[in-house]
Amino acid sequence: MIRRREANGCWLIRQDDHAQLSGQIAQCWGNDRFEAIKPAAPVIRAIALHDGGWPMHDDKPQLNETGLALDVFEMPLLLALSIWRESVDRLSDAKPPNPTEWSADYCTLLVSLHALGLSGFASNHPHSPREVFEINKFQQREFERQHELRKRLQMRTDIPLRLGLAAQGISASDDRLRHHFQIMQVADRLSLALCSANSPFIEVKDVTESAGGDIATLQFHRTDAPASTILRVEPWPFDRDRIDLSIAARVVPQCSFTDRAAFDAQFAQAPRRELALSLVRAGDAGAS
């Protein structure tokens, strides 16, 4: 759940809706500098479904210690691990709508890499012995899953990996995988930054312009007010000059609750509103 505090209350955005928005952003990827996604279908599908486990929380959100609906960046670790595992499991169990158009195994591998990367980030923070054990168990499960996926995809399983990724230049298939994973990172962070009132990210490093190609750092910032819904991006990796988007949110007029039942009642009845969002080139005079 992404929580935006606005003048008329809290706007609550589902994580799986944010992921769908990421997929829409990825559909625009590619220009003279940044190579288009190839093959496009499995990668864009993975990006659009990378948060598929979040309904287990967002259908009935928990509250934080101040009575606000839990934001994605406030999730307790053990709950987050369950959600990340469910996101990969749901995609792994899904049947492709058209097996000739995308590889279910490649989709699952990308989403598993995303979940593994989140667990790697989490492991850099202090945790209780129980939490460390659960992180290790989660990572071992994903390592084993990725090993089997790599075999089925005829990728190498005899090379060193860091959180599932090989160093650039070891093999063409791993360079392609790293490139696709980095596009997922960009689309995910741009979507999160657009949807959040306070942008949690200002850049994505180590983005390859093509599989095995030059590396760039993408930077982004809001145009005017801190809660602006327009982001300037530089360098620009997309096939059009501006991307206009929207996402649905539930608007809860009261933000903080002391009574869980009162929140549940307001959440169930909350009207849905569309939040308009835009990505623009840095320096675009028509951004405001």
C-alpha atoms as a PDB file:
ATOM      1  CA  MET A   1       0.000   0.000   0.000  1.00  0.00           C
ATOM      2  CA  ILE A   2       1.209   3.474  -0.883  1.00  0.00           C
ATOM      3  CA  ARG A   3      -0.149   6.220   1.364  1.00  0.00           C
ATOM      4  CA  ARG A   4      -0.461   9.812   0.141  1.00  0.00           C
ATOM      5  CA  ARG A   5      -1.705  12.458   2.563  1.00  0.00           C
ATOM      6  CA  GLU A   6      -3.777  15.054   0.697  1.00  0.00           C
ATOM      7  CA  ALA A   7      -6.013  17.926   1.804  1.00  0.00           C
ATOM      8  CA  ASN A   8      -9.121  15.734   1.586  1.00  0.00           C
ATOM      9  CA  GLY A   9      -7.656  12.746   3.456  1.00  0.00           C
ATOM     10  CA  CYS A  10      -5.412   9.796   2.730  1.00  0.00           C
ATOM     11  CA  TRP A  11      -5.160   8.428  -0.793  1.00  0.00           C
ATOM     12  CA  LEU A  12      -4.355   4.701  -0.586  1.00  0.00           C
ATOM     13  CA  ILE A  13      -2.851   3.061  -3.671  1.00  0.00           C
ATOM     14  CA  ARG A  14      -2.570  -0.715  -3.984  1.00  0.00           C
ATOM     15  CA  GLN A  15       0.873  -2.120  -4.647  1.00  0.00           C
ATOM     16  CA  ASP A  16      -0.338  -4.357  -7.467  1.00  0.00           C
ATOM     17  CA  ASP A  17      -1.843  -1.268  -9.150  1.00  0.00           C
ATOM     18  CA  HIS A  18       1.534   0.456  -8.786  1.00  0.00           C
ATOM     19  CA  ALA A  19       3.117  -2.598 -10.463  1.00  0.00           C
ATOM     20  CA  GLN A  20       0.668  -2.356 -13.368  1.00  0.00           C
ATOM     21  CA  LEU A  21       1.707   1.288 -13.702  1.00  0.00           C
ATOM     22  CA  SER A  22       5.338   0.138 -13.820  1.00  0.00           C
ATOM     23  CA  GLY A  23       4.401  -2.115 -16.730  1.00  0.00           C
ATOM     24  CA  GLN A  24       2.847   0.824 -18.583  1.00  0.00           C
ATOM     25  CA  ILE A  25       6.059   2.799 -18.085  1.00  0.00           C
ATOM     26  CA  ALA A  26       8.147  -0.131 -19.381  1.00  0.00           C
ATOM     27  CA  GLN A  27       6.035  -0.311 -22.540  1.00  0.00           C
ATOM     28  CA  CYS A  28       7.498   3.073 -23.534  1.00  0.00           C
ATOM     29  CA  TRP A  29      11.138   2.024 -23.056  1.00  0.00           C
ATOM     30  CA  GLY A  30      13.640   2.560 -25.857  1.00  0.00           C
ATOM     31  CA  ASN A  31      15.044   5.288 -28.116  1.00  0.00           C
ATOM     32  CA  ASP A  32      18.253   6.107 -29.992  1.00  0.00           C
ATOM     33  CA  ARG A  33      20.312   5.788 -26.796  1.00  0.00           C
ATOM     34  CA  PHE A  34      18.438   3.103 -24.833  1.00  0.00           C
ATOM     35  CA  GLU A  35      17.728  -0.158 -26.616  1.00  0.00           C
ATOM     36  CA  ALA A  36      14.105  -1.285 -26.762  1.00  0.00           C
ATOM     37  CA  ILE A  37      13.148  -4.328 -24.686  1.00  0.00           C
ATOM     38  CA  LYS A  38      13.739  -7.591 -26.551  1.00  0.00           C
ATOM     39  CA  PRO A  39      11.786  -9.800 -26.162  1.00  0.00           C
ATOM     40  CA  ALA A  40       9.225  -7.292 -24.905  1.00  0.00           C
ATOM     41  CA  ALA A  41       6.258  -9.444 -23.862  1.00  0.00           C
ATOM     42  CA  PRO A  42       7.776 -11.544 -21.026  1.00  0.00           C
ATOM     43  CA  VAL A  43       9.716  -8.629 -19.552  1.00  0.00           C
ATOM     44  CA  ILE A  44       6.817  -6.173 -19.539  1.00  0.00           C
ATOM     45  CA  ARG A  45       4.523  -8.831 -18.121  1.00  0.00           C
ATOM     46  CA  ALA A  46       6.979  -9.550 -15.299  1.00  0.00           C
ATOM     47  CA  ILE A  47       7.266  -5.841 -14.507  1.00  0.00           C
ATOM     48  CA  ALA A  48       3.475  -5.421 -14.468  1.00  0.00           C
ATOM     49  CA  LEU A  49       3.019  -8.420 -12.130  1.00  0.00           C
ATOM     50  CA  HIS A  50       6.039  -8.064  -9.855  1.00  0.00           C
ATOM     51  CA  ASP A  51       3.908  -7.120  -6.808  1.00  0.00           C
ATOM     52  CA  GLY A  52       1.222  -9.754  -7.292  1.00  0.00           C
ATOM     53  CA  GLY A  53       1.407 -10.934  -3.668  1.00  0.00           C
ATOM     54  CA  TRP A  54       0.423  -7.594  -2.144  1.00  0.00           C
ATOM     55  CA  PRO A  55      -3.361  -8.156  -2.099  1.00  0.00           C
ATOM     56  CA  MET A  56      -2.747 -10.390   0.937  1.00  0.00           C
ATOM     57  CA  HIS A  57      -2.117  -7.108   2.783  1.00  0.00           C
ATOM     58  CA  ASP A  58      -3.752  -4.404   0.688  1.00  0.00           C
ATOM     59  CA  ASP A  59      -7.198  -6.029   0.615  1.00  0.00           C
ATOM     60  CA  LYS A  60      -7.311  -5.386   4.362  1.00  0.00           C
ATOM     61  CA  PRO A  61      -4.440  -3.066   5.305  1.00  0.00           C
ATOM     62  CA  GLN A  62      -2.838  -3.072   8.722  1.00  0.00           C
ATOM     63  CA  LEU A  63      -2.294   0.128  10.711  1.00  0.00           C
ATOM     64  CA  ASN A  64       1.007   1.488  11.975  1.00  0.00           C
ATOM     65  CA  GLU A  65       1.688   2.657  15.527  1.00  0.00           C
ATOM     66  CA  THR A  66       0.128   6.066  14.821  1.00  0.00           C
ATOM     67  CA  GLY A  67      -3.072   4.610  13.365  1.00  0.00           C
ATOM     68  CA  LEU A  68      -2.231   5.217   9.701  1.00  0.00           C
ATOM     69  CA  ALA A  69      -2.612   2.556   7.023  1.00  0.00           C
ATOM     70  CA  LEU A  70       0.772   0.860   6.665  1.00  0.00           C
ATOM     71  CA  ASP A  71       2.800   2.291   3.809  1.00  0.00           C
ATOM     72  CA  VAL A  72       4.989  -0.013   1.721  1.00  0.00           C
ATOM     73  CA  PHE A  73       8.119   1.435   3.340  1.00  0.00           C
ATOM     74  CA  GLU A  74       6.813   0.695   6.856  1.00  0.00           C
ATOM     75  CA  MET A  75       6.125  -3.024   6.421  1.00  0.00           C
ATOM     76  CA  PRO A  76       7.351  -5.340   9.195  1.00  0.00           C
ATOM     77  CA  LEU A  77      10.043  -7.601   7.775  1.00  0.00           C
ATOM     78  CA  LEU A  78       8.286 -10.919   8.356  1.00  0.00           C
ATOM     79  CA  LEU A  79       5.138  -9.685   6.643  1.00  0.00           C
ATOM     80  CA  ALA A  80       7.194  -8.273   3.777  1.00  0.00           C
ATOM     81  CA  LEU A  81       8.956 -11.620   3.277  1.00  0.00           C
ATOM     82  CA  SER A  82       5.601 -13.386   3.061  1.00  0.00           C
ATOM     83  CA  ILE A  83       4.365 -10.882   0.487  1.00  0.00           C
ATOM     84  CA  TRP A  84       7.521 -11.106  -1.627  1.00  0.00           C
ATOM     85  CA  ARG A  85       7.356 -14.907  -1.608  1.00  0.00           C
ATOM     86  CA  GLU A  86       3.686 -14.810  -2.572  1.00  0.00           C
ATOM     87  CA  SER A  87       4.461 -12.447  -5.459  1.00  0.00           C
ATOM     88  CA  VAL A  88       6.893 -14.959  -6.962  1.00  0.00           C
ATOM     89  CA  ASP A  89       4.691 -17.973  -6.185  1.00  0.00           C
ATOM     90  CA  ARG A  90       1.647 -16.458  -7.874  1.00  0.00           C
ATOM     91  CA  LEU A  91       3.555 -15.810 -11.074  1.00  0.00           C
ATOM     92  CA  SER A  92       5.206 -19.219 -10.933  1.00  0.00           C
ATOM     93  CA  ASP A  93       1.789 -20.900 -10.646  1.00  0.00           C
ATOM     94  CA  ALA A  94       0.102 -18.750 -13.315  1.00  0.00           C
ATOM     95  CA  LYS A  95      -0.618 -20.163 -16.756  1.00  0.00           C
ATOM     96  CA  PRO A  96       0.443 -17.902 -19.627  1.00  0.00           C
ATOM     97  CA  PRO A  97      -2.445 -16.483 -21.670  1.00  0.00           C
ATOM     98  CA  ASN A  98      -0.552 -17.344 -24.854  1.00  0.00           C
ATOM     99  CA  PRO A  99       2.533 -19.535 -24.409  1.00  0.00           C
ATOM    100  CA  THR A 100       3.898 -18.412 -27.795  1.00  0.00           C
ATOM    101  CA  GLU A 101       4.092 -14.800 -26.653  1.00  0.00           C
ATOM    102  CA  TRP A 102       6.090 -14.987 -23.455  1.00  0.00           C
ATOM    103  CA  SER A 103       8.095 -17.336 -21.325  1.00  0.00           C
ATOM    104  CA  ALA A 104       6.549 -18.077 -17.937  1.00  0.00           C
ATOM    105  CA  ASP A 105       9.939 -19.177 -16.626  1.00  0.00           C
ATOM    106  CA  TYR A 106      11.639 -15.935 -17.687  1.00  0.00           C
ATOM    107  CA  CYS A 107       8.866 -13.881 -16.065  1.00  0.00           C
ATOM    108  CA  THR A 108       9.203 -15.837 -12.842  1.00  0.00           C
ATOM    109  CA  LEU A 109      12.987 -15.460 -12.865  1.00  0.00           C
ATOM    110  CA  LEU A 110      12.739 -11.678 -13.177  1.00  0.00           C
ATOM    111  CA  VAL A 111      10.204 -11.374 -10.357  1.00  0.00           C
ATOM    112  CA  SER A 112      12.280 -13.715  -8.187  1.00  0.00           C
ATOM    113  CA  LEU A 113      15.310 -11.489  -8.807  1.00  0.00           C
ATOM    114  CA  HIS A 114      13.258  -8.472  -7.741  1.00  0.00           C
ATOM    115  CA  ALA A 115      12.182 -10.189  -4.515  1.00  0.00           C
ATOM    116  CA  LEU A 116      15.720 -11.387  -3.846  1.00  0.00           C
ATOM    117  CA  GLY A 117      17.039  -7.851  -4.348  1.00  0.00           C
ATOM    118  CA  LEU A 118      14.531  -6.509  -1.816  1.00  0.00           C
ATOM    119  CA  SER A 119      15.668  -9.117   0.694  1.00  0.00           C
ATOM    120  CA  GLY A 120      19.287  -8.140   0.060  1.00  0.00           C
ATOM    121  CA  PHE A 121      18.443  -4.509   0.790  1.00  0.00           C
ATOM    122  CA  ALA A 122      16.598  -5.574   3.957  1.00  0.00           C
ATOM    123  CA  SER A 123      19.555  -7.643   5.146  1.00  0.00           C
ATOM    124  CA  ASN A 124      21.699  -4.482   5.297  1.00  0.00           C
ATOM    125  CA  HIS A 125      19.663  -3.258   8.286  1.00  0.00           C
ATOM    126  CA  PRO A 126      19.776  -4.511  11.901  1.00  0.00           C
ATOM    127  CA  HIS A 127      17.392  -7.389  12.637  1.00  0.00           C
ATOM    128  CA  SER A 128      16.590  -9.834  15.398  1.00  0.00           C
ATOM    129  CA  PRO A 129      18.053 -13.378  15.202  1.00  0.00           C
ATOM    130  CA  ARG A 130      14.621 -14.661  14.127  1.00  0.00           C
ATOM    131  CA  GLU A 131      14.424 -12.113  11.326  1.00  0.00           C
ATOM    132  CA  VAL A 132      17.946 -12.914  10.116  1.00  0.00           C
ATOM    133  CA  PHE A 133      16.990 -16.600  10.013  1.00  0.00           C
ATOM    134  CA  GLU A 134      13.848 -15.819   7.990  1.00  0.00           C
ATOM    135  CA  ILE A 135      15.799 -13.660   5.525  1.00  0.00           C
ATOM    136  CA  ASN A 136      18.325 -16.459   5.041  1.00  0.00           C
ATOM    137  CA  LYS A 137      15.543 -19.010   4.547  1.00  0.00           C
ATOM    138  CA  PHE A 138      13.800 -16.761   2.047  1.00  0.00           C
ATOM    139  CA  GLN A 139      16.981 -16.182   0.071  1.00  0.00           C
ATOM    140  CA  GLN A 140      17.898 -19.867   0.005  1.00  0.00           C
ATOM    141  CA  ARG A 141      14.451 -20.703  -1.365  1.00  0.00           C
ATOM    142  CA  GLU A 142      14.820 -18.134  -4.147  1.00  0.00           C
ATOM    143  CA  PHE A 143      18.380 -19.269  -4.938  1.00  0.00           C
ATOM    144  CA  GLU A 144      17.075 -22.807  -5.429  1.00  0.00           C
ATOM    145  CA  ARG A 145      14.114 -21.596  -7.482  1.00  0.00           C
ATOM    146  CA  GLN A 146      16.374 -19.523  -9.723  1.00  0.00           C
ATOM    147  CA  HIS A 147      18.769 -22.426 -10.211  1.00  0.00           C
ATOM    148  CA  GLU A 148      15.927 -24.572 -11.589  1.00  0.00           C
ATOM    149  CA  LEU A 149      14.625 -21.725 -13.753  1.00  0.00           C
ATOM    150  CA  ARG A 150      18.092 -21.119 -15.171  1.00  0.00           C
ATOM    151  CA  LYS A 151      18.383 -24.786 -16.114  1.00  0.00           C
ATOM    152  CA  ARG A 152      15.016 -24.724 -17.881  1.00  0.00           C
ATOM    153  CA  LEU A 153      15.962 -21.518 -19.690  1.00  0.00           C
ATOM    154  CA  GLN A 154      19.305 -23.079 -20.704  1.00  0.00           C
ATOM    155  CA  MET A 155      21.263 -20.403 -18.861  1.00  0.00           C
ATOM    156  CA  ARG A 156      24.570 -21.088 -17.171  1.00  0.00           C
ATOM    157  CA  THR A 157      24.513 -22.432 -13.619  1.00  0.00           C
ATOM    158  CA  ASP A 158      28.310 -22.622 -13.163  1.00  0.00           C
ATOM    159  CA  ILE A 159      29.071 -18.916 -12.725  1.00  0.00           C
ATOM    160  CA  PRO A 160      29.227 -16.740  -9.596  1.00  0.00           C
ATOM    161  CA  LEU A 161      26.076 -14.737  -8.930  1.00  0.00           C
ATOM    162  CA  ARG A 162      25.337 -11.879  -6.577  1.00  0.00           C
ATOM    163  CA  LEU A 163      21.681 -11.858  -5.577  1.00  0.00           C
ATOM    164  CA  GLY A 164      20.992 -13.907  -8.690  1.00  0.00           C
ATOM    165  CA  LEU A 165      22.864 -11.721 -11.184  1.00  0.00           C
ATOM    166  CA  ALA A 166      26.171 -12.337 -12.934  1.00  0.00           C
ATOM    167  CA  ALA A 167      28.778  -9.675 -13.507  1.00  0.00           C
ATOM    168  CA  GLN A 168      28.489  -7.992 -16.878  1.00  0.00           C
ATOM    169  CA  GLY A 169      30.371  -9.647 -19.725  1.00  0.00           C
ATOM    170  CA  ILE A 170      30.263 -13.275 -18.543  1.00  0.00           C
ATOM    171  CA  SER A 171      27.555 -14.433 -20.954  1.00  0.00           C
ATOM    172  CA  ALA A 172      25.164 -12.869 -23.448  1.00  0.00           C
ATOM    173  CA  SER A 173      22.074 -14.354 -21.794  1.00  0.00           C
ATOM    174  CA  ASP A 174      23.109 -13.022 -18.385  1.00  0.00           C
ATOM    175  CA  ASP A 175      23.844  -9.586 -19.837  1.00  0.00           C
ATOM    176  CA  ARG A 176      20.337  -9.590 -21.279  1.00  0.00           C
ATOM    177  CA  LEU A 177      18.862 -10.692 -17.938  1.00  0.00           C
ATOM    178  CA  ARG A 178      20.740  -7.943 -16.060  1.00  0.00           C
ATOM    179  CA  HIS A 179      19.565  -5.376 -18.625  1.00  0.00           C
ATOM    180  CA  HIS A 180      15.927  -6.462 -18.228  1.00  0.00           C
ATOM    181  CA  PHE A 181      16.212  -6.497 -14.446  1.00  0.00           C
ATOM    182  CA  GLN A 182      17.557  -2.943 -14.459  1.00  0.00           C
ATOM    183  CA  ILE A 183      14.662  -1.775 -16.640  1.00  0.00           C
ATOM    184  CA  MET A 184      12.353  -3.335 -14.043  1.00  0.00           C
ATOM    185  CA  GLN A 185      14.171  -1.380 -11.331  1.00  0.00           C
ATOM    186  CA  VAL A 186      13.756   1.883 -13.226  1.00  0.00           C
ATOM    187  CA  ALA A 187      10.056   1.350 -13.978  1.00  0.00           C
ATOM    188  CA  ASP A 188       9.381   0.233 -10.390  1.00  0.00           C
ATOM    189  CA  ARG A 189      11.141   3.207  -8.798  1.00  0.00           C
ATOM    190  CA  LEU A 190       9.642   5.746 -11.168  1.00  0.00           C
ATOM    191  CA  SER A 191       6.182   4.398 -10.400  1.00  0.00           C
ATOM    192  CA  LEU A 192       6.821   4.454  -6.643  1.00  0.00           C
ATOM    193  CA  ALA A 193       8.202   7.987  -6.851  1.00  0.00           C
ATOM    194  CA  LEU A 194       5.166   9.162  -8.828  1.00  0.00           C
ATOM    195  CA  CYS A 195       2.651   7.564  -6.473  1.00  0.00           C
ATOM    196  CA  SER A 196       4.330   8.568  -3.196  1.00  0.00           C
ATOM    197  CA  ALA A 197       3.865  12.023  -1.683  1.00  0.00           C
ATOM    198  CA  ASN A 198       7.535  12.026  -0.657  1.00  0.00           C
ATOM    199  CA  SER A 199       9.667  10.438  -3.343  1.00  0.00           C
ATOM    200  CA  PRO A 200      11.708   7.583  -1.823  1.00  0.00           C
ATOM    201  CA  PHE A 201      14.159   7.574  -4.753  1.00  0.00           C
ATOM    202  CA  ILE A 202      16.014  10.166  -6.789  1.00  0.00           C
ATOM    203  CA  GLU A 203      18.037   7.893  -9.081  1.00  0.00           C
ATOM    204  CA  VAL A 204      18.719   4.389 -10.358  1.00  0.00           C
ATOM    205  CA  LYS A 205      22.368   3.487 -10.868  1.00  0.00           C
ATOM    206  CA  ASP A 206      24.043   0.962 -13.188  1.00  0.00           C
ATOM    207  CA  VAL A 207      21.371   0.994 -15.905  1.00  0.00           C
ATOM    208  CA  THR A 208      22.761  -0.548 -19.084  1.00  0.00           C
ATOM    209  CA  GLU A 209      21.761   1.259 -22.262  1.00  0.00           C
ATOM    210  CA  SER A 210      21.674  -2.125 -24.012  1.00  0.00           C
ATOM    211  CA  ALA A 211      22.450  -5.709 -23.014  1.00  0.00           C
ATOM    212  CA  GLY A 212      26.143  -5.612 -22.087  1.00  0.00           C
ATOM    213  CA  GLY A 213      26.372  -1.971 -23.182  1.00  0.00           C
ATOM    214  CA  ASP A 214      27.311   1.337 -21.610  1.00  0.00           C
ATOM    215  CA  ILE A 215      26.081   2.141 -18.107  1.00  0.00           C
ATOM    216  CA  ALA A 216      24.040   5.187 -17.126  1.00  0.00           C
ATOM    217  CA  THR A 217      22.573   6.624 -13.921  1.00  0.00           C
ATOM    218  CA  LEU A 218      18.976   7.780 -14.306  1.00  0.00           C
ATOM    219  CA  GLN A 219      18.040  10.705 -12.074  1.00  0.00           C
ATOM    220  CA  PHE A 220      14.563  12.064 -11.417  1.00  0.00           C
ATOM    221  CA  HIS A 221      13.017  14.821  -9.368  1.00  0.00           C
ATOM    222  CA  ARG A 222       9.661  16.525  -8.912  1.00  0.00           C
ATOM    223  CA  THR A 223       8.902  19.617 -10.923  1.00  0.00           C
ATOM    224  CA  ASP A 224       7.470  22.017  -8.325  1.00  0.00           C
ATOM    225  CA  ALA A 225       5.936  21.215  -4.933  1.00  0.00           C
ATOM    226  CA  PRO A 226       7.320  18.236  -2.970  1.00  0.00           C
ATOM    227  CA  ALA A 227       4.108  16.259  -3.587  1.00  0.00           C
ATOM    228  CA  SER A 228       3.967  17.074  -7.310  1.00  0.00           C
ATOM    229  CA  THR A 229       2.734  14.261  -9.537  1.00  0.00           C
ATOM    230  CA  ILE A 230       5.169  15.166 -12.341  1.00  0.00           C
ATOM    231  CA  LEU A 231       8.697  13.751 -12.443  1.00  0.00           C
ATOM    232  CA  ARG A 232      11.541  15.001 -14.608  1.00  0.00           C
ATOM    233  CA  VAL A 233      13.856  12.205 -15.788  1.00  0.00           C
ATOM    234  CA  GLU A 234      17.438  12.498 -17.096  1.00  0.00           C
ATOM    235  CA  PRO A 235      18.761  10.890 -19.211  1.00  0.00           C
ATOM    236  CA  TRP A 236      15.483  10.128 -20.972  1.00  0.00           C
ATOM    237  CA  PRO A 237      15.083   6.409 -21.839  1.00  0.00           C
ATOM    238  CA  PHE A 238      11.647   6.457 -23.500  1.00  0.00           C
ATOM    239  CA  ASP A 239      10.278   6.488 -27.047  1.00  0.00           C
ATOM    240  CA  ARG A 240       8.123   9.619 -26.596  1.00  0.00           C
ATOM    241  CA  ASP A 241       8.706  13.060 -25.118  1.00  0.00           C
ATOM    242  CA  ARG A 242       6.179  12.765 -22.279  1.00  0.00           C
ATOM    243  CA  ILE A 243       4.300   9.916 -20.595  1.00  0.00           C
ATOM    244  CA  ASP A 244       0.921  10.742 -19.058  1.00  0.00           C
ATOM    245  CA  LEU A 245      -0.518   8.122 -16.720  1.00  0.00           C
ATOM    246  CA  SER A 246      -3.141   7.666 -14.033  1.00  0.00           C
ATOM    247  CA  ILE A 247      -3.709   5.320 -11.122  1.00  0.00           C
ATOM    248  CA  ALA A 248      -6.699   4.557  -8.930  1.00  0.00           C
ATOM    249  CA  ALA A 249      -6.665   5.274  -5.200  1.00  0.00           C
ATOM    250  CA  ARG A 250      -9.117   4.856  -2.355  1.00  0.00           C
ATOM    251  CA  VAL A 251      -9.700   8.150  -0.586  1.00  0.00           C
ATOM    252  CA  VAL A 252     -10.187   7.752   3.170  1.00  0.00           C
ATOM    253  CA  PRO A 253     -11.274  11.134   4.610  1.00  0.00           C
ATOM    254  CA  GLN A 254      -9.747  10.420   8.016  1.00  0.00           C
ATOM    255  CA  CYS A 255      -6.066   9.520   8.029  1.00  0.00           C
ATOM    256  CA  SER A 256      -5.330   8.316  11.580  1.00  0.00           C
ATOM    257  CA  PHE A 257      -7.469   5.849  13.524  1.00  0.00           C
ATOM    258  CA  THR A 258      -7.474   4.632  17.111  1.00  0.00           C
ATOM    259  CA  ASP A 259     -10.080   1.992  16.315  1.00  0.00           C
ATOM    260  CA  ARG A 260      -9.336  -0.710  13.733  1.00  0.00           C
ATOM    261  CA  ALA A 261     -13.020  -1.389  13.065  1.00  0.00           C
ATOM    262  CA  ALA A 262     -13.578   2.284  12.229  1.00  0.00           C
ATOM    263  CA  PHE A 263     -10.747   2.167   9.688  1.00  0.00           C
ATOM    264  CA  ASP A 264     -12.083  -1.034   8.116  1.00  0.00           C
ATOM    265  CA  ALA A 265     -15.525   0.549   7.729  1.00  0.00           C
ATOM    266  CA  GLN A 266     -14.159   3.724   6.118  1.00  0.00           C
ATOM    267  CA  PHE A 267     -11.773   1.768   3.890  1.00  0.00           C
ATOM    268  CA  ALA A 268     -14.567  -0.484   2.618  1.00  0.00           C
ATOM    269  CA  GLN A 269     -16.717   2.531   1.723  1.00  0.00           C
ATOM    270  CA  ALA A 270     -13.926   4.789   0.440  1.00  0.00           C
ATOM    271  CA  PRO A 271     -14.577   6.249  -3.016  1.00  0.00           C
ATOM    272  CA  ARG A 272     -12.081   5.573  -5.770  1.00  0.00           C
ATOM    273  CA  ARG A 273     -10.385   8.501  -7.444  1.00  0.00           C
ATOM    274  CA  GLU A 274      -7.933   8.708 -10.327  1.00  0.00           C
ATOM    275  CA  LEU A 275      -4.559  10.331  -9.668  1.00  0.00           C
ATOM    276  CA  ALA A 276      -3.027  11.919 -12.789  1.00  0.00           C
ATOM    277  CA  LEU A 277       0.747  11.384 -13.136  1.00  0.00           C
ATOM    278  CA  SER A 278       3.377  12.364 -15.711  1.00  0.00           C
ATOM    279  CA  LEU A 279       6.985  11.666 -16.643  1.00  0.00           C
ATOM    280  CA  VAL A 280       8.789  14.391 -18.600  1.00  0.00           C
ATOM    281  CA  ARG A 281      12.276  15.047 -19.880  1.00  0.00           C
ATOM    282  CA  ALA A 282      14.461  17.069 -17.549  1.00  0.00           C
ATOM    283  CA  GLY A 283      14.429  20.665 -18.768  1.00  0.00           C
ATOM    284  CA  ASP A 284      11.113  20.289 -20.615  1.00  0.00           C
ATOM    285  CA  ALA A 285       9.487  23.704 -20.521  1.00  0.00           C
ATOM    286  CA  GLY A 286       6.037  22.137 -20.882  1.00  0.00           C
ATOM    287  CA  ALA A 287       6.311  20.086 -17.706  1.00  0.00           C
ATOM    288  CA  SER A 288       4.336  22.327 -15.372  1.00  0.00           C
END
